[in-house]
Amino acid sequence: MSKRKNTFTRFLEDIVDDTKDFVDDILDRAKDLENDARDAVKDVVDDDESGSSSSSEMQSIHAALEDLTAKVNQLAELQLASTKKVA
């Protein structure tokens, strides 16, 4: 393997090549970051849009809970009434 001459111009050439590689890597990472940020924002926006359907789901859950509470209260009154009759 032969050694290459280390001249000043070769030294500058190496610096320029390394700088190009460095800038290229930075740009690639910036593109990746931009794409990842865009995807994250889209995910958040999509979650917010689907949140409106969960609001209707919450309303139906509250309605079902109110119905169950009314039935439990009715059964408790019936049990209390039957206990008073026995005593």
PDB file of N, CA and C in Angstrom:
ATOM      1  N   MET A   1       0.854  -1.170   0.000  1.00  0.00           N
ATOM      2  CA  MET A   1       0.000   0.000   0.000  1.00  0.00           C
ATOM      3  C   MET A   1       0.890   1.220   0.000  1.00  0.00           C
ATOM      4  N   SER A   2       0.665   2.078  -0.940  1.00  0.00           N
ATOM      5  CA  SER A   2       1.513   3.272  -1.020  1.00  0.00           C
ATOM      6  C   SER A   2       0.873   4.411  -0.245  1.00  0.00           C
ATOM      7  N   LYS A   3       1.711   5.180   0.355  1.00  0.00           N
ATOM      8  CA  LYS A   3       1.223   6.343   1.092  1.00  0.00           C
ATOM      9  C   LYS A   3       0.963   7.475   0.129  1.00  0.00           C
ATOM     10  N   ARG A   4      -0.018   8.246   0.427  1.00  0.00           N
ATOM     11  CA  ARG A   4      -0.255   9.412  -0.412  1.00  0.00           C
ATOM     12  C   ARG A   4       0.477  10.589   0.197  1.00  0.00           C
ATOM     13  N   LYS A   5       0.777  11.522  -0.643  1.00  0.00           N
ATOM     14  CA  LYS A   5       1.520  12.685  -0.175  1.00  0.00           C
ATOM     15  C   LYS A   5       0.594  13.594   0.625  1.00  0.00           C
ATOM     16  N   ASN A   6       1.084  14.066   1.706  1.00  0.00           N
ATOM     17  CA  ASN A   6       0.334  15.013   2.510  1.00  0.00           C
ATOM     18  C   ASN A   6       0.774  16.422   2.146  1.00  0.00           C
ATOM     19  N   THR A   7       0.017  16.969   1.246  1.00  0.00           N
ATOM     20  CA  THR A   7       0.305  18.343   0.848  1.00  0.00           C
ATOM     21  C   THR A   7      -0.766  19.250   1.435  1.00  0.00           C
ATOM     22  N   PHE A   8      -0.531  20.523   1.343  1.00  0.00           N
ATOM     23  CA  PHE A   8      -1.483  21.493   1.875  1.00  0.00           C
ATOM     24  C   PHE A   8      -2.812  21.416   1.130  1.00  0.00           C
ATOM     25  N   THR A   9      -2.756  21.271  -0.176  1.00  0.00           N
ATOM     26  CA  THR A   9      -4.005  21.180  -0.943  1.00  0.00           C
ATOM     27  C   THR A   9      -4.747  19.887  -0.618  1.00  0.00           C
ATOM     28  N   ARG A  10      -4.016  18.802  -0.391  1.00  0.00           N
ATOM     29  CA  ARG A  10      -4.656  17.546  -0.007  1.00  0.00           C
ATOM     30  C   ARG A  10      -5.320  17.701   1.371  1.00  0.00           C
ATOM     31  N   PHE A  11      -4.661  18.409   2.261  1.00  0.00           N
ATOM     32  CA  PHE A  11      -5.210  18.692   3.588  1.00  0.00           C
ATOM     33  C   PHE A  11      -6.508  19.491   3.470  1.00  0.00           C
ATOM     34  N   LEU A  12      -6.519  20.539   2.631  1.00  0.00           N
ATOM     35  CA  LEU A  12      -7.729  21.330   2.422  1.00  0.00           C
ATOM     36  C   LEU A  12      -8.824  20.491   1.771  1.00  0.00           C
ATOM     37  N   GLU A  13      -8.422  19.633   0.834  1.00  0.00           N
ATOM     38  CA  GLU A  13      -9.387  18.761   0.180  1.00  0.00           C
ATOM     39  C   GLU A  13     -10.065  17.841   1.211  1.00  0.00           C
ATOM     40  N   ASP A  14      -9.299  17.281   2.120  1.00  0.00           N
ATOM     41  CA  ASP A  14      -9.847  16.422   3.165  1.00  0.00           C
ATOM     42  C   ASP A  14     -10.815  17.198   4.061  1.00  0.00           C
ATOM     43  N   ILE A  15     -10.452  18.424   4.400  1.00  0.00           N
ATOM     44  CA  ILE A  15     -11.327  19.252   5.239  1.00  0.00           C
ATOM     45  C   ILE A  15     -12.637  19.531   4.520  1.00  0.00           C
ATOM     46  N   VAL A  16     -12.557  19.890   3.249  1.00  0.00           N
ATOM     47  CA  VAL A  16     -13.764  20.186   2.473  1.00  0.00           C
ATOM     48  C   VAL A  16     -14.628  18.934   2.342  1.00  0.00           C
ATOM     49  N   ASP A  17     -14.035  17.776   2.063  1.00  0.00           N
ATOM     50  CA  ASP A  17     -14.802  16.530   1.938  1.00  0.00           C
ATOM     51  C   ASP A  17     -15.478  16.166   3.260  1.00  0.00           C
ATOM     52  N   ASP A  18     -14.739  16.280   4.337  1.00  0.00           N
ATOM     53  CA  ASP A  18     -15.324  15.983   5.647  1.00  0.00           C
ATOM     54  C   ASP A  18     -16.447  16.946   5.985  1.00  0.00           C
ATOM     55  N   THR A  19     -16.278  18.212   5.626  1.00  0.00           N
ATOM     56  CA  THR A  19     -17.315  19.206   5.876  1.00  0.00           C
ATOM     57  C   THR A  19     -18.562  18.900   5.056  1.00  0.00           C
ATOM     58  N   LYS A  20     -18.365  18.499   3.800  1.00  0.00           N
ATOM     59  CA  LYS A  20     -19.508  18.118   2.957  1.00  0.00           C
ATOM     60  C   LYS A  20     -20.262  16.937   3.569  1.00  0.00           C
ATOM     61  N   ASP A  21     -19.516  15.932   4.008  1.00  0.00           N
ATOM     62  CA  ASP A  21     -20.155  14.767   4.636  1.00  0.00           C
ATOM     63  C   ASP A  21     -20.913  15.182   5.893  1.00  0.00           C
ATOM     64  N   PHE A  22     -20.303  16.052   6.685  1.00  0.00           N
ATOM     65  CA  PHE A  22     -20.925  16.510   7.920  1.00  0.00           C
ATOM     66  C   PHE A  22     -22.220  17.267   7.628  1.00  0.00           C
ATOM     67  N   VAL A  23     -22.186  18.180   6.675  1.00  0.00           N
ATOM     68  CA  VAL A  23     -23.368  18.958   6.318  1.00  0.00           C
ATOM     69  C   VAL A  23     -24.442  18.039   5.734  1.00  0.00           C
ATOM     70  N   ASP A  24     -24.043  17.072   4.929  1.00  0.00           N
ATOM     71  CA  ASP A  24     -24.999  16.134   4.359  1.00  0.00           C
ATOM     72  C   ASP A  24     -25.687  15.324   5.462  1.00  0.00           C
ATOM     73  N   ASP A  25     -24.915  14.879   6.440  1.00  0.00           N
ATOM     74  CA  ASP A  25     -25.502  14.142   7.568  1.00  0.00           C
ATOM     75  C   ASP A  25     -26.459  15.021   8.361  1.00  0.00           C
ATOM     76  N   ILE A  26     -26.093  16.266   8.587  1.00  0.00           N
ATOM     77  CA  ILE A  26     -26.966  17.187   9.329  1.00  0.00           C
ATOM     78  C   ILE A  26     -28.273  17.403   8.567  1.00  0.00           C
ATOM     79  N   LEU A  27     -28.176  17.587   7.256  1.00  0.00           N
ATOM     80  CA  LEU A  27     -29.385  17.782   6.454  1.00  0.00           C
ATOM     81  C   LEU A  27     -30.275  16.534   6.467  1.00  0.00           C
ATOM     82  N   ASP A  28     -29.677  15.365   6.396  1.00  0.00           N
ATOM     83  CA  ASP A  28     -30.462  14.129   6.463  1.00  0.00           C
ATOM     84  C   ASP A  28     -31.182  14.011   7.799  1.00  0.00           C
ATOM     85  N   ARG A  29     -30.481  14.325   8.874  1.00  0.00           N
ATOM     86  CA  ARG A  29     -31.114  14.259  10.192  1.00  0.00           C
ATOM     87  C   ARG A  29     -32.200  15.317  10.337  1.00  0.00           C
ATOM     88  N   ALA A  30     -31.988  16.495   9.751  1.00  0.00           N
ATOM     89  CA  ALA A  30     -33.013  17.539   9.808  1.00  0.00           C
ATOM     90  C   ALA A  30     -34.264  17.104   9.043  1.00  0.00           C
ATOM     91  N   LYS A  31     -34.073  16.448   7.897  1.00  0.00           N
ATOM     92  CA  LYS A  31     -35.216  15.938   7.138  1.00  0.00           C
ATOM     93  C   LYS A  31     -35.968  14.889   7.938  1.00  0.00           C
ATOM     94  N   ASP A  32     -35.222  13.987   8.571  1.00  0.00           N
ATOM     95  CA  ASP A  32     -35.861  12.962   9.402  1.00  0.00           C
ATOM     96  C   ASP A  32     -36.629  13.593  10.552  1.00  0.00           C
ATOM     97  N   LEU A  33     -36.021  14.591  11.193  1.00  0.00           N
ATOM     98  CA  LEU A  33     -36.681  15.279  12.298  1.00  0.00           C
ATOM     99  C   LEU A  33     -37.946  15.979  11.827  1.00  0.00           C
ATOM    100  N   GLU A  34     -37.863  16.623  10.668  1.00  0.00           N
ATOM    101  CA  GLU A  34     -39.034  17.305  10.120  1.00  0.00           C
ATOM    102  C   GLU A  34     -40.157  16.317   9.820  1.00  0.00           C
ATOM    103  N   ASN A  35     -39.812  15.190   9.223  1.00  0.00           N
ATOM    104  CA  ASN A  35     -40.829  14.174   8.915  1.00  0.00           C
ATOM    105  C   ASN A  35     -41.427  13.593  10.188  1.00  0.00           C
ATOM    106  N   ASP A  36     -40.581  13.325  11.180  1.00  0.00           N
ATOM    107  CA  ASP A  36     -41.085  12.787  12.448  1.00  0.00           C
ATOM    108  C   ASP A  36     -41.991  13.795  13.146  1.00  0.00           C
ATOM    109  N   ALA A  37     -41.608  15.069  13.114  1.00  0.00           N
ATOM    110  CA  ALA A  37     -42.436  16.107  13.742  1.00  0.00           C
ATOM    111  C   ALA A  37     -43.768  16.235  13.009  1.00  0.00           C
ATOM    112  N   ARG A  38     -43.737  16.176  11.686  1.00  0.00           N
ATOM    113  CA  ARG A  38     -44.971  16.256  10.903  1.00  0.00           C
ATOM    114  C   ARG A  38     -45.881  15.079  11.225  1.00  0.00           C
ATOM    115  N   ASP A  39     -45.307  13.880  11.327  1.00  0.00           N
ATOM    116  CA  ASP A  39     -46.106  12.701  11.669  1.00  0.00           C
ATOM    117  C   ASP A  39     -46.703  12.823  13.067  1.00  0.00           C
ATOM    118  N   ALA A  40     -45.913  13.357  13.998  1.00  0.00           N
ATOM    119  CA  ALA A  40     -46.414  13.515  15.371  1.00  0.00           C
ATOM    120  C   ALA A  40     -47.572  14.502  15.417  1.00  0.00           C
ATOM    121  N   VAL A  41     -47.455  15.592  14.672  1.00  0.00           N
ATOM    122  CA  VAL A  41     -48.535  16.588  14.645  1.00  0.00           C
ATOM    123  C   VAL A  41     -49.780  15.988  14.011  1.00  0.00           C
ATOM    124  N   LYS A  42     -49.600  15.218  12.939  1.00  0.00           N
ATOM    125  CA  LYS A  42     -50.753  14.566  12.309  1.00  0.00           C
ATOM    126  C   LYS A  42     -51.425  13.610  13.285  1.00  0.00           C
ATOM    127  N   ASP A  43     -50.625  12.865  14.044  1.00  0.00           N
ATOM    128  CA  ASP A  43     -51.196  11.939  15.018  1.00  0.00           C
ATOM    129  C   ASP A  43     -51.997  12.684  16.078  1.00  0.00           C
ATOM    130  N   VAL A  44     -51.481  13.816  16.542  1.00  0.00           N
ATOM    131  CA  VAL A  44     -52.188  14.597  17.557  1.00  0.00           C
ATOM    132  C   VAL A  44     -53.485  15.143  16.988  1.00  0.00           C
ATOM    133  N   VAL A  45     -53.440  15.649  15.773  1.00  0.00           N
ATOM    134  CA  VAL A  45     -54.642  16.193  15.137  1.00  0.00           C
ATOM    135  C   VAL A  45     -55.663  15.085  14.918  1.00  0.00           C
ATOM    136  N   ASP A  46     -55.208  13.914  14.474  1.00  0.00           N
ATOM    137  CA  ASP A  46     -56.125  12.794  14.277  1.00  0.00           C
ATOM    138  C   ASP A  46     -56.744  12.364  15.595  1.00  0.00           C
ATOM    139  N   ASP A  47     -55.951  12.367  16.674  1.00  0.00           N
ATOM    140  CA  ASP A  47     -56.483  12.013  17.988  1.00  0.00           C
ATOM    141  C   ASP A  47     -57.524  13.021  18.435  1.00  0.00           C
ATOM    142  N   ASP A  48     -57.283  14.317  18.163  1.00  0.00           N
ATOM    143  CA  ASP A  48     -58.250  15.342  18.538  1.00  0.00           C
ATOM    144  C   ASP A  48     -59.550  15.178  17.773  1.00  0.00           C
ATOM    145  N   GLU A  49     -59.452  14.821  16.504  1.00  0.00           N
ATOM    146  CA  GLU A  49     -60.657  14.635  15.701  1.00  0.00           C
ATOM    147  C   GLU A  49     -61.446  13.423  16.178  1.00  0.00           C
ATOM    148  N   SER A  50     -60.743  12.373  16.586  1.00  0.00           N
ATOM    149  CA  SER A  50     -61.456  11.196  17.081  1.00  0.00           C
ATOM    150  C   SER A  50     -61.971  11.442  18.487  1.00  0.00           C
ATOM    151  N   GLY A  51     -61.508  12.489  19.144  1.00  0.00           N
ATOM    152  CA  GLY A  51     -61.967  12.831  20.483  1.00  0.00           C
ATOM    153  C   GLY A  51     -63.422  13.230  20.493  1.00  0.00           C
ATOM    154  N   SER A  52     -63.935  13.770  19.383  1.00  0.00           N
ATOM    155  CA  SER A  52     -65.346  14.143  19.328  1.00  0.00           C
ATOM    156  C   SER A  52     -66.229  12.911  19.425  1.00  0.00           C
ATOM    157  N   SER A  53     -65.804  11.791  18.863  1.00  0.00           N
ATOM    158  CA  SER A  53     -66.593  10.570  18.982  1.00  0.00           C
ATOM    159  C   SER A  53     -66.518  10.028  20.397  1.00  0.00           C
ATOM    160  N   SER A  54     -65.381  10.223  21.062  1.00  0.00           N
ATOM    161  CA  SER A  54     -65.292   9.741  22.436  1.00  0.00           C
ATOM    162  C   SER A  54     -66.175  10.589  23.349  1.00  0.00           C
ATOM    163  N   SER A  55     -66.440  11.827  22.971  1.00  0.00           N
ATOM    164  CA  SER A  55     -67.348  12.669  23.741  1.00  0.00           C
ATOM    165  C   SER A  55     -68.757  12.088  23.698  1.00  0.00           C
ATOM    166  N   SER A  56     -69.183  11.640  22.533  1.00  0.00           N
ATOM    167  CA  SER A  56     -70.502  11.016  22.433  1.00  0.00           C
ATOM    168  C   SER A  56     -70.515   9.684  23.176  1.00  0.00           C
ATOM    169  N   GLU A  57     -69.395   8.984  23.153  1.00  0.00           N
ATOM    170  CA  GLU A  57     -69.308   7.738  23.913  1.00  0.00           C
ATOM    171  C   GLU A  57     -69.420   8.027  25.405  1.00  0.00           C
ATOM    172  N   MET A  58     -68.785   9.085  25.857  1.00  0.00           N
ATOM    173  CA  MET A  58     -68.861   9.461  27.271  1.00  0.00           C
ATOM    174  C   MET A  58     -70.295   9.824  27.651  1.00  0.00           C
ATOM    175  N   GLN A  59     -70.999  10.513  26.773  1.00  0.00           N
ATOM    176  CA  GLN A  59     -72.392  10.867  27.046  1.00  0.00           C
ATOM    177  C   GLN A  59     -73.246   9.609  27.178  1.00  0.00           C
ATOM    178  N   SER A  60     -73.022   8.632  26.318  1.00  0.00           N
ATOM    179  CA  SER A  60     -73.806   7.394  26.415  1.00  0.00           C
ATOM    180  C   SER A  60     -73.447   6.621  27.683  1.00  0.00           C
ATOM    181  N   ILE A  61     -72.181   6.677  28.084  1.00  0.00           N
ATOM    182  CA  ILE A  61     -71.779   6.016  29.332  1.00  0.00           C
ATOM    183  C   ILE A  61     -72.437   6.692  30.524  1.00  0.00           C
ATOM    184  N   HIS A  62     -72.482   8.020  30.522  1.00  0.00           N
ATOM    185  CA  HIS A  62     -73.147   8.751  31.612  1.00  0.00           C
ATOM    186  C   HIS A  62     -74.641   8.418  31.667  1.00  0.00           C
ATOM    187  N   ALA A  63     -75.261   8.320  30.516  1.00  0.00           N
ATOM    188  CA  ALA A  63     -76.688   7.976  30.482  1.00  0.00           C
ATOM    189  C   ALA A  63     -76.914   6.569  31.030  1.00  0.00           C
ATOM    190  N   ALA A  64     -76.055   5.640  30.629  1.00  0.00           N
ATOM    191  CA  ALA A  64     -76.182   4.271  31.133  1.00  0.00           C
ATOM    192  C   ALA A  64     -75.951   4.217  32.639  1.00  0.00           C
ATOM    193  N   LEU A  65     -75.003   5.019  33.118  1.00  0.00           N
ATOM    194  CA  LEU A  65     -74.733   5.070  34.557  1.00  0.00           C
ATOM    195  C   LEU A  65     -75.924   5.634  35.326  1.00  0.00           C
ATOM    196  N   GLU A  66     -76.556   6.654  34.769  1.00  0.00           N
ATOM    197  CA  GLU A  66     -77.754   7.212  35.413  1.00  0.00           C
ATOM    198  C   GLU A  66     -78.880   6.177  35.467  1.00  0.00           C
ATOM    199  N   ASP A  67     -79.054   5.409  34.398  1.00  0.00           N
ATOM    200  CA  ASP A  67     -80.078   4.358  34.384  1.00  0.00           C
ATOM    201  C   ASP A  67     -79.783   3.297  35.447  1.00  0.00           C
ATOM    202  N   LEU A  68     -78.532   2.888  35.532  1.00  0.00           N
ATOM    203  CA  LEU A  68     -78.170   1.880  36.528  1.00  0.00           C
ATOM    204  C   LEU A  68     -78.357   2.409  37.949  1.00  0.00           C
ATOM    205  N   THR A  69     -77.994   3.665  38.160  1.00  0.00           N
ATOM    206  CA  THR A  69     -78.175   4.270  39.486  1.00  0.00           C
ATOM    207  C   THR A  69     -79.652   4.295  39.851  1.00  0.00           C
ATOM    208  N   ALA A  70     -80.503   4.639  38.905  1.00  0.00           N
ATOM    209  CA  ALA A  70     -81.949   4.659  39.169  1.00  0.00           C
ATOM    210  C   ALA A  70     -82.453   3.259  39.506  1.00  0.00           C
ATOM    211  N   LYS A  71     -81.981   2.235  38.793  1.00  0.00           N
ATOM    212  CA  LYS A  71     -82.410   0.866  39.071  1.00  0.00           C
ATOM    213  C   LYS A  71     -81.923   0.404  40.446  1.00  0.00           C
ATOM    214  N   VAL A  72     -80.677   0.748  40.792  1.00  0.00           N
ATOM    215  CA  VAL A  72     -80.144   0.366  42.100  1.00  0.00           C
ATOM    216  C   VAL A  72     -80.942   1.044  43.203  1.00  0.00           C
ATOM    217  N   ASN A  73     -81.260   2.319  43.023  1.00  0.00           N
ATOM    218  CA  ASN A  73     -82.073   3.026  44.021  1.00  0.00           C
ATOM    219  C   ASN A  73     -83.457   2.383  44.161  1.00  0.00           C
ATOM    220  N   GLN A  74     -84.044   2.016  43.044  1.00  0.00           N
ATOM    221  CA  GLN A  74     -85.360   1.377  43.066  1.00  0.00           C
ATOM    222  C   GLN A  74     -85.290   0.037  43.810  1.00  0.00           C
ATOM    223  N   LEU A  75     -84.255  -0.762  43.533  1.00  0.00           N
ATOM    224  CA  LEU A  75     -84.102  -2.040  44.222  1.00  0.00           C
ATOM    225  C   LEU A  75     -83.842  -1.838  45.715  1.00  0.00           C
ATOM    226  N   ALA A  76     -83.082  -0.816  46.061  1.00  0.00           N
ATOM    227  CA  ALA A  76     -82.812  -0.535  47.474  1.00  0.00           C
ATOM    228  C   ALA A  76     -84.103  -0.152  48.186  1.00  0.00           C
ATOM    229  N   GLU A  77     -84.956   0.639  47.542  1.00  0.00           N
ATOM    230  CA  GLU A  77     -86.244   1.007  48.141  1.00  0.00           C
ATOM    231  C   GLU A  77     -87.136  -0.216  48.319  1.00  0.00           C
ATOM    232  N   LEU A  78     -87.147  -1.092  47.304  1.00  0.00           N
ATOM    233  CA  LEU A  78     -87.948  -2.314  47.406  1.00  0.00           C
ATOM    234  C   LEU A  78     -87.444  -3.209  48.538  1.00  0.00           C
ATOM    235  N   GLN A  79     -86.131  -3.313  48.675  1.00  0.00           N
ATOM    236  CA  GLN A  79     -85.572  -4.125  49.738  1.00  0.00           C
ATOM    237  C   GLN A  79     -85.896  -3.526  51.104  1.00  0.00           C
ATOM    238  N   LEU A  80     -85.807  -2.220  51.211  1.00  0.00           N
ATOM    239  CA  LEU A  80     -86.122  -1.538  52.476  1.00  0.00           C
ATOM    240  C   LEU A  80     -87.600  -1.727  52.817  1.00  0.00           C
ATOM    241  N   ALA A  81     -88.447  -1.632  51.817  1.00  0.00           N
ATOM    242  CA  ALA A  81     -89.894  -1.813  52.036  1.00  0.00           C
ATOM    243  C   ALA A  81     -90.211  -3.231  52.476  1.00  0.00           C
ATOM    244  N   SER A  82     -89.554  -4.214  51.857  1.00  0.00           N
ATOM    245  CA  SER A  82     -89.818  -5.599  52.243  1.00  0.00           C
ATOM    246  C   SER A  82     -89.254  -5.910  53.627  1.00  0.00           C
ATOM    247  N   THR A  83     -88.193  -5.255  54.024  1.00  0.00           N
ATOM    248  CA  THR A  83     -87.626  -5.446  55.350  1.00  0.00           C
ATOM    249  C   THR A  83     -88.552  -4.880  56.411  1.00  0.00           C
ATOM    250  N   LYS A  84     -89.177  -3.728  56.120  1.00  0.00           N
ATOM    251  CA  LYS A  84     -90.114  -3.104  57.068  1.00  0.00           C
ATOM    252  C   LYS A  84     -91.362  -3.966  57.247  1.00  0.00           C
ATOM    253  N   LYS A  85     -91.808  -4.616  56.172  1.00  0.00           N
ATOM    254  CA  LYS A  85     -93.000  -5.462  56.249  1.00  0.00           C
ATOM    255  C   LYS A  85     -92.732  -6.680  57.121  1.00  0.00           C
ATOM    256  N   VAL A  86     -91.535  -7.234  57.052  1.00  0.00           N
ATOM    257  CA  VAL A  86     -91.190  -8.439  57.800  1.00  0.00           C
ATOM    258  C   VAL A  86     -91.039  -8.099  59.276  1.00  0.00           C
ATOM    259  N   ALA A  87     -90.519  -6.940  59.586  1.00  0.00           N
ATOM    260  CA  ALA A  87     -90.278  -6.565  60.971  1.00  0.00           C
ATOM    261  C   ALA A  87     -91.503  -6.075  61.623  1.00  0.00           C
TER     262      ALA A  87
END
